[in-house]
All heavy atoms as atom14 arrays in JSON, in Angstrom:
{
  "sequence": "LGGAVVREILMRTKAQAGDLLFFGADSARVVNEAMGALRLRVGSDRGL",
  "atom14_mask": [
    [1, 1, 1, 1, 1, 1, 1, 1, 0, 0, 0, 0, 0, 0],
    [1, 1, 1, 1, 0, 0, 0, 0, 0, 0, 0, 0, 0, 0],
    [1, 1, 1, 1, 0, 0, 0, 0, 0, 0, 0, 0, 0, 0],
    [1, 1, 1, 1, 1, 0, 0, 0, 0, 0, 0, 0, 0, 0],
    [1, 1, 1, 1, 1, 1, 1, 0, 0, 0, 0, 0, 0, 0],
    [1, 1, 1, 1, 1, 1, 1, 0, 0, 0, 0, 0, 0, 0],
    [1, 1, 1, 1, 1, 1, 1, 1, 1, 1, 1, 0, 0, 0],
    [1, 1, 1, 1, 1, 1, 1, 1, 1, 0, 0, 0, 0, 0],
    [1, 1, 1, 1, 1, 1, 1, 1, 0, 0, 0, 0, 0, 0],
    [1, 1, 1, 1, 1, 1, 1, 1, 0, 0, 0, 0, 0, 0],
    [1, 1, 1, 1, 1, 1, 1, 1, 0, 0, 0, 0, 0, 0],
    [1, 1, 1, 1, 1, 1, 1, 1, 1, 1, 1, 0, 0, 0],
    [1, 1, 1, 1, 1, 1, 1, 0, 0, 0, 0, 0, 0, 0],
    [1, 1, 1, 1, 1, 1, 1, 1, 1, 0, 0, 0, 0, 0],
    [1, 1, 1, 1, 1, 0, 0, 0, 0, 0, 0, 0, 0, 0],
    [1, 1, 1, 1, 1, 1, 1, 1, 1, 0, 0, 0, 0, 0],
    [1, 1, 1, 1, 1, 0, 0, 0, 0, 0, 0, 0, 0, 0],
    [1, 1, 1, 1, 0, 0, 0, 0, 0, 0, 0, 0, 0, 0],
    [1, 1, 1, 1, 1, 1, 1, 1, 0, 0, 0, 0, 0, 0],
    [1, 1, 1, 1, 1, 1, 1, 1, 0, 0, 0, 0, 0, 0],
    [1, 1, 1, 1, 1, 1, 1, 1, 0, 0, 0, 0, 0, 0],
    [1, 1, 1, 1, 1, 1, 1, 1, 1, 1, 1, 0, 0, 0],
    [1, 1, 1, 1, 1, 1, 1, 1, 1, 1, 1, 0, 0, 0],
    [1, 1, 1, 1, 0, 0, 0, 0, 0, 0, 0, 0, 0, 0],
    [1, 1, 1, 1, 1, 0, 0, 0, 0, 0, 0, 0, 0, 0],
    [1, 1, 1, 1, 1, 1, 1, 1, 0, 0, 0, 0, 0, 0],
    [1, 1, 1, 1, 1, 1, 0, 0, 0, 0, 0, 0, 0, 0],
    [1, 1, 1, 1, 1, 0, 0, 0, 0, 0, 0, 0, 0, 0],
    [1, 1, 1, 1, 1, 1, 1, 1, 1, 1, 1, 0, 0, 0],
    [1, 1, 1, 1, 1, 1, 1, 0, 0, 0, 0, 0, 0, 0],
    [1, 1, 1, 1, 1, 1, 1, 0, 0, 0, 0, 0, 0, 0],
    [1, 1, 1, 1, 1, 1, 1, 1, 0, 0, 0, 0, 0, 0],
    [1, 1, 1, 1, 1, 1, 1, 1, 1, 0, 0, 0, 0, 0],
    [1, 1, 1, 1, 1, 0, 0, 0, 0, 0, 0, 0, 0, 0],
    [1, 1, 1, 1, 1, 1, 1, 1, 0, 0, 0, 0, 0, 0],
    [1, 1, 1, 1, 0, 0, 0, 0, 0, 0, 0, 0, 0, 0],
    [1, 1, 1, 1, 1, 0, 0, 0, 0, 0, 0, 0, 0, 0],
    [1, 1, 1, 1, 1, 1, 1, 1, 0, 0, 0, 0, 0, 0],
    [1, 1, 1, 1, 1, 1, 1, 1, 1, 1, 1, 0, 0, 0],
    [1, 1, 1, 1, 1, 1, 1, 1, 0, 0, 0, 0, 0, 0],
    [1, 1, 1, 1, 1, 1, 1, 1, 1, 1, 1, 0, 0, 0],
    [1, 1, 1, 1, 1, 1, 1, 0, 0, 0, 0, 0, 0, 0],
    [1, 1, 1, 1, 0, 0, 0, 0, 0, 0, 0, 0, 0, 0],
    [1, 1, 1, 1, 1, 1, 0, 0, 0, 0, 0, 0, 0, 0],
    [1, 1, 1, 1, 1, 1, 1, 1, 0, 0, 0, 0, 0, 0],
    [1, 1, 1, 1, 1, 1, 1, 1, 1, 1, 1, 0, 0, 0],
    [1, 1, 1, 1, 0, 0, 0, 0, 0, 0, 0, 0, 0, 0],
    [1, 1, 1, 1, 1, 1, 1, 1, 0, 0, 0, 0, 0, 0]
  ],
  "atom14_positions": [
    [[-36.12, -32.55, 64.98], [-35.01, -32.3, 64.07], [-33.79, -33.17, 64.38], [-33.08, -33.6, 63.46], [-34.6, -30.82, 64.13], [-35.66, -29.82, 63.67], [-35.1, -28.4, 63.75], [-36.12, -30.11, 62.26], [0.0, 0.0, 0.0], [0.0, 0.0, 0.0], [0.0, 0.0, 0.0], [0.0, 0.0, 0.0], [0.0, 0.0, 0.0], [0.0, 0.0, 0.0]],
    [[-33.54, -33.41, 65.64], [-32.35, -34.17, 66.02], [-31.17, -33.25, 66.27], [-30.97, -32.24, 65.59], [0.0, 0.0, 0.0], [0.0, 0.0, 0.0], [0.0, 0.0, 0.0], [0.0, 0.0, 0.0], [0.0, 0.0, 0.0], [0.0, 0.0, 0.0], [0.0, 0.0, 0.0], [0.0, 0.0, 0.0], [0.0, 0.0, 0.0], [0.0, 0.0, 0.0]],
    [[-30.37, -33.62, 67.26], [-29.27, -32.75, 67.68], [-28.25, -32.48, 66.61], [-27.76, -31.36, 66.46], [0.0, 0.0, 0.0], [0.0, 0.0, 0.0], [0.0, 0.0, 0.0], [0.0, 0.0, 0.0], [0.0, 0.0, 0.0], [0.0, 0.0, 0.0], [0.0, 0.0, 0.0], [0.0, 0.0, 0.0], [0.0, 0.0, 0.0], [0.0, 0.0, 0.0]],
    [[-27.91, -33.51, 65.82], [-26.88, -33.32, 64.79], [-27.35, -32.32, 63.72], [-26.58, -31.46, 63.27], [-26.55, -34.66, 64.15], [0.0, 0.0, 0.0], [0.0, 0.0, 0.0], [0.0, 0.0, 0.0], [0.0, 0.0, 0.0], [0.0, 0.0, 0.0], [0.0, 0.0, 0.0], [0.0, 0.0, 0.0], [0.0, 0.0, 0.0], [0.0, 0.0, 0.0]],
    [[-28.61, -32.43, 63.3], [-29.14, -31.52, 62.3], [-29.18, -30.09, 62.85], [-28.81, -29.13, 62.16], [-30.55, -31.96, 61.85], [-31.22, -30.87, 61.0], [-30.48, -33.25, 61.07], [0.0, 0.0, 0.0], [0.0, 0.0, 0.0], [0.0, 0.0, 0.0], [0.0, 0.0, 0.0], [0.0, 0.0, 0.0], [0.0, 0.0, 0.0], [0.0, 0.0, 0.0]],
    [[-29.62, -29.94, 64.1], [-29.68, -28.61, 64.7], [-28.29, -28.0, 64.76], [-28.11, -26.81, 64.46], [-30.31, -28.68, 66.1], [-30.17, -27.34, 66.81], [-31.78, -29.08, 66.0], [0.0, 0.0, 0.0], [0.0, 0.0, 0.0], [0.0, 0.0, 0.0], [0.0, 0.0, 0.0], [0.0, 0.0, 0.0], [0.0, 0.0, 0.0], [0.0, 0.0, 0.0]],
    [[-27.28, -28.79, 65.15], [-25.92, -28.25, 65.2], [-25.44, -27.79, 63.82], [-24.79, -26.76, 63.67], [-24.98, -29.31, 65.77], [-25.11, -29.49, 67.28], [-23.98, -30.33, 67.84], [-24.0, -31.71, 67.36], [-24.71, -32.69, 67.91], [-25.44, -32.43, 68.99], [-24.68, -33.91, 67.41], [0.0, 0.0, 0.0], [0.0, 0.0, 0.0], [0.0, 0.0, 0.0]],
    [[-25.8, -28.55, 62.78], [-25.43, -28.16, 61.42], [-26.13, -26.86, 61.01], [-25.54, -25.99, 60.36], [-25.77, -29.27, 60.43], [-24.86, -30.47, 60.5], [-23.47, -30.16, 59.99], [-23.31, -29.23, 59.17], [-22.52, -30.84, 60.42], [0.0, 0.0, 0.0], [0.0, 0.0, 0.0], [0.0, 0.0, 0.0], [0.0, 0.0, 0.0], [0.0, 0.0, 0.0]],
    [[-27.41, -26.73, 61.4], [-28.16, -25.51, 61.06], [-27.53, -24.31, 61.76], [-27.34, -23.24, 61.15], [-29.63, -25.67, 61.46], [-30.32, -26.69, 60.55], [-30.35, -24.32, 61.38], [-31.74, -27.03, 60.98], [0.0, 0.0, 0.0], [0.0, 0.0, 0.0], [0.0, 0.0, 0.0], [0.0, 0.0, 0.0], [0.0, 0.0, 0.0], [0.0, 0.0, 0.0]],
    [[-27.17, -24.48, 63.05], [-26.55, -23.37, 63.79], [-25.22, -22.98, 63.16], [-24.89, -21.79, 63.06], [-26.35, -23.76, 65.25], [-27.61, -24.0, 66.08], [-27.24, -24.42, 67.5], [-28.49, -22.76, 66.11], [0.0, 0.0, 0.0], [0.0, 0.0, 0.0], [0.0, 0.0, 0.0], [0.0, 0.0, 0.0], [0.0, 0.0, 0.0], [0.0, 0.0, 0.0]],
    [[-24.47, -23.97, 62.71], [-23.17, -23.69, 62.12], [-23.34, -22.98, 60.77], [-22.65, -22.0, 60.47], [-22.38, -24.99, 61.94], [-20.96, -24.8, 61.45], [-20.07, -26.38, 61.3], [-20.18, -26.95, 63.02], [0.0, 0.0, 0.0], [0.0, 0.0, 0.0], [0.0, 0.0, 0.0], [0.0, 0.0, 0.0], [0.0, 0.0, 0.0], [0.0, 0.0, 0.0]],
    [[-24.28, -23.49, 59.94], [-24.45, -22.91, 58.61], [-25.0, -21.48, 58.67], [-24.62, -20.63, 57.86], [-25.37, -23.79, 57.77], [-25.49, -23.35, 56.33], [-26.26, -24.34, 55.47], [-25.54, -25.61, 55.31], [-25.97, -26.6, 54.52], [-27.11, -26.47, 53.83], [-25.28, -27.73, 54.42], [0.0, 0.0, 0.0], [0.0, 0.0, 0.0], [0.0, 0.0, 0.0]],
    [[-25.88, -21.22, 59.63], [-26.46, -19.87, 59.75], [-25.59, -18.93, 60.57], [-25.89, -17.74, 60.66], [-27.85, -19.94, 60.4], [-27.74, -20.56, 61.69], [-28.82, -20.72, 59.54], [0.0, 0.0, 0.0], [0.0, 0.0, 0.0], [0.0, 0.0, 0.0], [0.0, 0.0, 0.0], [0.0, 0.0, 0.0], [0.0, 0.0, 0.0], [0.0, 0.0, 0.0]],
    [[-24.52, -19.47, 61.18], [-23.62, -18.69, 62.04], [-24.37, -18.03, 63.19], [-24.12, -16.88, 63.56], [-22.88, -17.62, 61.21], [-22.04, -18.22, 60.09], [-21.34, -17.14, 59.27], [-20.53, -17.79, 58.15], [-19.86, -16.77, 57.28], [0.0, 0.0, 0.0], [0.0, 0.0, 0.0], [0.0, 0.0, 0.0], [0.0, 0.0, 0.0], [0.0, 0.0, 0.0]],
    [[-25.29, -18.8, 63.77], [-26.11, -18.28, 64.86], [-25.26, -18.07, 66.12], [-24.41, -18.9, 66.46], [-27.25, -19.25, 65.16], [0.0, 0.0, 0.0], [0.0, 0.0, 0.0], [0.0, 0.0, 0.0], [0.0, 0.0, 0.0], [0.0, 0.0, 0.0], [0.0, 0.0, 0.0], [0.0, 0.0, 0.0], [0.0, 0.0, 0.0], [0.0, 0.0, 0.0]],
    [[-25.52, -16.97, 66.8], [-24.82, -16.61, 68.03], [-25.83, -16.55, 69.18], [-27.04, -16.51, 68.97], [-24.14, -15.25, 67.87], [-23.19, -15.14, 66.69], [-21.97, -16.01, 66.85], [-21.39, -16.07, 67.94], [-21.58, -16.71, 65.78], [0.0, 0.0, 0.0], [0.0, 0.0, 0.0], [0.0, 0.0, 0.0], [0.0, 0.0, 0.0], [0.0, 0.0, 0.0]],
    [[-25.3, -16.49, 70.38], [-26.16, -16.37, 71.55], [-27.02, -15.11, 71.44], [-26.51, -14.02, 71.12], [-25.32, -16.32, 72.83], [0.0, 0.0, 0.0], [0.0, 0.0, 0.0], [0.0, 0.0, 0.0], [0.0, 0.0, 0.0], [0.0, 0.0, 0.0], [0.0, 0.0, 0.0], [0.0, 0.0, 0.0], [0.0, 0.0, 0.0], [0.0, 0.0, 0.0]],
    [[-28.32, -15.27, 71.69], [-29.24, -14.15, 71.61], [-29.93, -14.01, 70.27], [-30.81, -13.15, 70.11], [0.0, 0.0, 0.0], [0.0, 0.0, 0.0], [0.0, 0.0, 0.0], [0.0, 0.0, 0.0], [0.0, 0.0, 0.0], [0.0, 0.0, 0.0], [0.0, 0.0, 0.0], [0.0, 0.0, 0.0], [0.0, 0.0, 0.0], [0.0, 0.0, 0.0]],
    [[-29.55, -14.84, 69.29], [-30.16, -14.75, 67.96], [-31.46, -15.56, 67.91], [-31.77, -16.37, 68.79], [-29.21, -15.27, 66.89], [-28.01, -14.38, 66.67], [-28.02, -13.25, 67.21], [-27.06, -14.81, 65.99], [0.0, 0.0, 0.0], [0.0, 0.0, 0.0], [0.0, 0.0, 0.0], [0.0, 0.0, 0.0], [0.0, 0.0, 0.0], [0.0, 0.0, 0.0]],
    [[-32.19, -15.34, 66.81], [-33.4, -16.12, 66.53], [-33.32, -16.61, 65.09], [-32.86, -15.86, 64.21], [-34.65, -15.25, 66.72], [-35.96, -15.94, 66.34], [-36.69, -16.39, 67.6], [-36.86, -15.03, 65.54], [0.0, 0.0, 0.0], [0.0, 0.0, 0.0], [0.0, 0.0, 0.0], [0.0, 0.0, 0.0], [0.0, 0.0, 0.0], [0.0, 0.0, 0.0]],
    [[-33.74, -17.84, 64.86], [-33.83, -18.37, 63.5], [-35.29, -18.53, 63.12], [-36.05, -19.19, 63.84], [-33.12, -19.72, 63.4], [-31.62, -19.76, 63.71], [-31.1, -21.18, 63.59], [-30.85, -18.83, 62.78], [0.0, 0.0, 0.0], [0.0, 0.0, 0.0], [0.0, 0.0, 0.0], [0.0, 0.0, 0.0], [0.0, 0.0, 0.0], [0.0, 0.0, 0.0]],
    [[-35.67, -17.93, 61.99], [-36.98, -18.19, 61.39], [-36.79, -19.17, 60.24], [-35.75, -19.15, 59.57], [-37.59, -16.9, 60.85], [-38.27, -16.05, 61.87], [-37.94, -14.7, 62.01], [-39.27, -16.56, 62.68], [-38.58, -13.9, 62.94], [-39.92, -15.77, 63.62], [-39.57, -14.44, 63.75], [0.0, 0.0, 0.0], [0.0, 0.0, 0.0], [0.0, 0.0, 0.0]],
    [[-37.81, -20.0, 60.0], [-37.73, -21.0, 58.94], [-38.92, -20.89, 57.99], [-40.05, -20.62, 58.42], [-37.71, -22.42, 59.53], [-36.53, -22.69, 60.4], [-36.59, -22.45, 61.77], [-35.35, -23.18, 59.87], [-35.49, -22.69, 62.59], [-34.24, -23.43, 60.68], [-34.32, -23.19, 62.04], [0.0, 0.0, 0.0], [0.0, 0.0, 0.0], [0.0, 0.0, 0.0]],
    [[-38.64, -21.12, 56.72], [-39.69, -21.21, 55.71], [-39.58, -22.53, 54.98], [-38.47, -22.9, 54.55], [0.0, 0.0, 0.0], [0.0, 0.0, 0.0], [0.0, 0.0, 0.0], [0.0, 0.0, 0.0], [0.0, 0.0, 0.0], [0.0, 0.0, 0.0], [0.0, 0.0, 0.0], [0.0, 0.0, 0.0], [0.0, 0.0, 0.0], [0.0, 0.0, 0.0]],
    [[-40.68, -23.26, 54.84], [-40.67, -24.56, 54.14], [-41.97, -24.69, 53.37], [-43.04, -24.83, 53.96], [-40.52, -25.7, 55.15], [0.0, 0.0, 0.0], [0.0, 0.0, 0.0], [0.0, 0.0, 0.0], [0.0, 0.0, 0.0], [0.0, 0.0, 0.0], [0.0, 0.0, 0.0], [0.0, 0.0, 0.0], [0.0, 0.0, 0.0], [0.0, 0.0, 0.0]],
    [[-41.87, -24.64, 52.05], [-43.07, -24.72, 51.21], [-42.6, -24.72, 49.76], [-41.4, -24.87, 49.49], [-44.01, -23.54, 51.5], [-45.47, -23.89, 51.28], [-45.77, -24.43, 50.2], [-46.3, -23.62, 52.16], [0.0, 0.0, 0.0], [0.0, 0.0, 0.0], [0.0, 0.0, 0.0], [0.0, 0.0, 0.0], [0.0, 0.0, 0.0], [0.0, 0.0, 0.0]],
    [[-43.52, -24.51, 48.84], [-43.1, -24.32, 47.45], [-42.15, -23.14, 47.38], [-42.19, -22.23, 48.23], [-44.32, -24.05, 46.56], [-44.87, -22.79, 46.86], [0.0, 0.0, 0.0], [0.0, 0.0, 0.0], [0.0, 0.0, 0.0], [0.0, 0.0, 0.0], [0.0, 0.0, 0.0], [0.0, 0.0, 0.0], [0.0, 0.0, 0.0], [0.0, 0.0, 0.0]],
    [[-41.27, -23.16, 46.39], [-40.3, -22.07, 46.28], [-40.99, -20.72, 46.18], [-40.53, -19.73, 46.76], [-39.4, -22.3, 45.07], [0.0, 0.0, 0.0], [0.0, 0.0, 0.0], [0.0, 0.0, 0.0], [0.0, 0.0, 0.0], [0.0, 0.0, 0.0], [0.0, 0.0, 0.0], [0.0, 0.0, 0.0], [0.0, 0.0, 0.0], [0.0, 0.0, 0.0]],
    [[-42.11, -20.67, 45.47], [-42.82, -19.4, 45.33], [-43.32, -18.89, 46.67], [-43.13, -17.72, 47.02], [-44.0, -19.56, 44.36], [-44.79, -18.29, 44.14], [-46.06, -18.55, 43.33], [-46.98, -19.44, 44.02], [-47.79, -19.05, 44.99], [-47.8, -17.78, 45.4], [-48.61, -19.91, 45.56], [0.0, 0.0, 0.0], [0.0, 0.0, 0.0], [0.0, 0.0, 0.0]],
    [[-43.95, -19.77, 47.47], [-44.48, -19.34, 48.76], [-43.35, -18.95, 49.7], [-43.43, -17.93, 50.4], [-45.36, -20.45, 49.37], [-45.7, -20.12, 50.83], [-46.64, -20.63, 48.57], [0.0, 0.0, 0.0], [0.0, 0.0, 0.0], [0.0, 0.0, 0.0], [0.0, 0.0, 0.0], [0.0, 0.0, 0.0], [0.0, 0.0, 0.0], [0.0, 0.0, 0.0]],
    [[-42.29, -19.75, 49.74], [-41.16, -19.41, 50.61], [-40.57, -18.07, 50.23], [-40.3, -17.22, 51.08], [-40.1, -20.53, 50.56], [-38.81, -20.06, 51.25], [-40.61, -21.78, 51.24], [0.0, 0.0, 0.0], [0.0, 0.0, 0.0], [0.0, 0.0, 0.0], [0.0, 0.0, 0.0], [0.0, 0.0, 0.0], [0.0, 0.0, 0.0], [0.0, 0.0, 0.0]],
    [[-40.34, -17.87, 48.95], [-39.73, -16.61, 48.51], [-40.61, -15.41, 48.86], [-40.12, -14.39, 49.36], [-39.46, -16.64, 47.02], [-38.34, -17.61, 46.66], [-37.54, -18.0, 47.51], [-38.28, -18.01, 45.4], [0.0, 0.0, 0.0], [0.0, 0.0, 0.0], [0.0, 0.0, 0.0], [0.0, 0.0, 0.0], [0.0, 0.0, 0.0], [0.0, 0.0, 0.0]],
    [[-41.91, -15.54, 48.59], [-42.8, -14.41, 48.85], [-43.0, -14.17, 50.35], [-42.92, -13.02, 50.82], [-44.14, -14.63, 48.15], [-44.05, -14.58, 46.63], [-45.4, -14.78, 45.95], [-46.42, -14.9, 46.68], [-45.45, -14.79, 44.71], [0.0, 0.0, 0.0], [0.0, 0.0, 0.0], [0.0, 0.0, 0.0], [0.0, 0.0, 0.0], [0.0, 0.0, 0.0]],
    [[-43.25, -15.23, 51.1], [-43.54, -15.08, 52.52], [-42.29, -14.68, 53.31], [-42.31, -13.72, 54.09], [-44.12, -16.37, 53.08], [0.0, 0.0, 0.0], [0.0, 0.0, 0.0], [0.0, 0.0, 0.0], [0.0, 0.0, 0.0], [0.0, 0.0, 0.0], [0.0, 0.0, 0.0], [0.0, 0.0, 0.0], [0.0, 0.0, 0.0], [0.0, 0.0, 0.0]],
    [[-41.2, -15.39, 53.1], [-39.98, -15.08, 53.84], [-39.35, -13.78, 53.34], [-38.71, -13.05, 54.1], [-39.0, -16.23, 53.73], [-39.47, -17.52, 54.4], [-39.68, -17.35, 56.2], [-37.96, -17.24, 56.72], [0.0, 0.0, 0.0], [0.0, 0.0, 0.0], [0.0, 0.0, 0.0], [0.0, 0.0, 0.0], [0.0, 0.0, 0.0], [0.0, 0.0, 0.0]],
    [[-39.53, -13.48, 52.05], [-39.04, -12.2, 51.54], [-39.74, -11.03, 52.19], [-39.12, -10.03, 52.57], [0.0, 0.0, 0.0], [0.0, 0.0, 0.0], [0.0, 0.0, 0.0], [0.0, 0.0, 0.0], [0.0, 0.0, 0.0], [0.0, 0.0, 0.0], [0.0, 0.0, 0.0], [0.0, 0.0, 0.0], [0.0, 0.0, 0.0], [0.0, 0.0, 0.0]],
    [[-41.08, -11.16, 52.34], [-41.84, -10.11, 53.02], [-41.47, -10.04, 54.49], [-41.35, -8.94, 55.07], [-43.34, -10.36, 52.85], [0.0, 0.0, 0.0], [0.0, 0.0, 0.0], [0.0, 0.0, 0.0], [0.0, 0.0, 0.0], [0.0, 0.0, 0.0], [0.0, 0.0, 0.0], [0.0, 0.0, 0.0], [0.0, 0.0, 0.0], [0.0, 0.0, 0.0]],
    [[-41.27, -11.21, 55.12], [-40.87, -11.23, 56.53], [-39.51, -10.57, 56.72], [-39.29, -9.85, 57.71], [-40.84, -12.68, 57.03], [-40.47, -12.86, 58.51], [-41.54, -12.28, 59.42], [-40.23, -14.34, 58.82], [0.0, 0.0, 0.0], [0.0, 0.0, 0.0], [0.0, 0.0, 0.0], [0.0, 0.0, 0.0], [0.0, 0.0, 0.0], [0.0, 0.0, 0.0]],
    [[-38.6, -10.82, 55.81], [-37.28, -10.19, 55.88], [-37.4, -8.67, 55.93], [-36.74, -8.01, 56.75], [-36.45, -10.63, 54.67], [-35.15, -9.9, 54.49], [-34.39, -10.38, 53.26], [-33.19, -9.6, 53.09], [-33.1, -8.5, 52.33], [-34.17, -8.1, 51.64], [-31.97, -7.83, 52.25], [0.0, 0.0, 0.0], [0.0, 0.0, 0.0], [0.0, 0.0, 0.0]],
    [[-38.23, -8.11, 55.07], [-38.41, -6.66, 55.05], [-39.07, -6.17, 56.34], [-38.68, -5.15, 56.91], [-39.24, -6.25, 53.84], [-38.65, -6.57, 52.47], [-39.59, -6.13, 51.36], [-37.29, -5.91, 52.29], [0.0, 0.0, 0.0], [0.0, 0.0, 0.0], [0.0, 0.0, 0.0], [0.0, 0.0, 0.0], [0.0, 0.0, 0.0], [0.0, 0.0, 0.0]],
    [[-40.09, -6.9, 56.8], [-40.82, -6.5, 58.0], [-39.92, -6.54, 59.24], [-39.86, -5.58, 60.02], [-42.03, -7.42, 58.17], [-42.77, -7.3, 59.49], [-43.79, -6.18, 59.5], [-44.51, -6.17, 60.76], [-45.67, -6.8, 60.99], [-46.25, -7.47, 59.99], [-46.26, -6.73, 62.15], [0.0, 0.0, 0.0], [0.0, 0.0, 0.0], [0.0, 0.0, 0.0]],
    [[-39.2, -7.64, 59.42], [-38.35, -7.77, 60.6], [-37.2, -6.76, 60.54], [-36.84, -6.14, 61.55], [-37.8, -9.21, 60.7], [-36.76, -9.32, 61.81], [-38.95, -10.19, 60.96], [0.0, 0.0, 0.0], [0.0, 0.0, 0.0], [0.0, 0.0, 0.0], [0.0, 0.0, 0.0], [0.0, 0.0, 0.0], [0.0, 0.0, 0.0], [0.0, 0.0, 0.0]],
    [[-36.61, -6.6, 59.36], [-35.53, -5.62, 59.23], [-35.96, -4.23, 59.62], [-35.23, -3.5, 60.29], [0.0, 0.0, 0.0], [0.0, 0.0, 0.0], [0.0, 0.0, 0.0], [0.0, 0.0, 0.0], [0.0, 0.0, 0.0], [0.0, 0.0, 0.0], [0.0, 0.0, 0.0], [0.0, 0.0, 0.0], [0.0, 0.0, 0.0], [0.0, 0.0, 0.0]],
    [[-37.19, -3.85, 59.22], [-37.72, -2.54, 59.58], [-38.06, -2.47, 61.06], [-37.7, -1.52, 61.76], [-38.96, -2.24, 58.73], [-39.56, -1.04, 59.12], [0.0, 0.0, 0.0], [0.0, 0.0, 0.0], [0.0, 0.0, 0.0], [0.0, 0.0, 0.0], [0.0, 0.0, 0.0], [0.0, 0.0, 0.0], [0.0, 0.0, 0.0], [0.0, 0.0, 0.0]],
    [[-38.76, -3.5, 61.58], [-39.18, -3.49, 62.97], [-38.0, -3.41, 63.93], [-38.08, -2.77, 64.99], [-39.98, -4.75, 63.29], [-41.36, -4.76, 62.65], [-41.77, -3.71, 62.11], [-42.03, -5.82, 62.68], [0.0, 0.0, 0.0], [0.0, 0.0, 0.0], [0.0, 0.0, 0.0], [0.0, 0.0, 0.0], [0.0, 0.0, 0.0], [0.0, 0.0, 0.0]],
    [[-36.88, -4.04, 63.58], [-35.75, -4.12, 64.49], [-34.66, -3.11, 64.18], [-33.57, -3.15, 64.76], [-35.19, -5.54, 64.48], [-36.26, -6.56, 64.77], [-35.93, -7.72, 65.53], [-34.9, -7.75, 66.5], [-35.12, -7.87, 67.81], [-36.36, -7.88, 68.28], [-34.11, -7.98, 68.64], [0.0, 0.0, 0.0], [0.0, 0.0, 0.0], [0.0, 0.0, 0.0]],
    [[-34.95, -2.19, 63.28], [-34.0, -1.13, 62.99], [-32.71, -1.62, 62.37], [-31.64, -1.04, 62.6], [0.0, 0.0, 0.0], [0.0, 0.0, 0.0], [0.0, 0.0, 0.0], [0.0, 0.0, 0.0], [0.0, 0.0, 0.0], [0.0, 0.0, 0.0], [0.0, 0.0, 0.0], [0.0, 0.0, 0.0], [0.0, 0.0, 0.0], [0.0, 0.0, 0.0]],
    [[-32.79, -2.67, 61.56], [-31.59, -3.25, 60.97], [-31.22, -2.64, 59.62], [-30.12, -2.87, 59.11], [-31.79, -4.76, 60.78], [-32.07, -5.57, 62.06], [-32.35, -7.03, 61.7], [-30.91, -5.48, 63.02], [0.0, 0.0, 0.0], [0.0, 0.0, 0.0], [0.0, 0.0, 0.0], [0.0, 0.0, 0.0], [0.0, 0.0, 0.0], [0.0, 0.0, 0.0]]
  ]
}
C-alpha cells in the first residue's frame, strides 16, 4: 500500500490505537452484500 496511502486511510477512518480495519474490494454488489453482512456479524459479536 505504501506509507502515505496507509496514513491517509488511518486519517479518513479515524482509526485509534487498538482498532482494526477490515477492507472490502470487489464489485459494488459483492462489497455491499459481504461487508454489510460482516458489519452485522461483527457488531453483534462485539456487543456494539
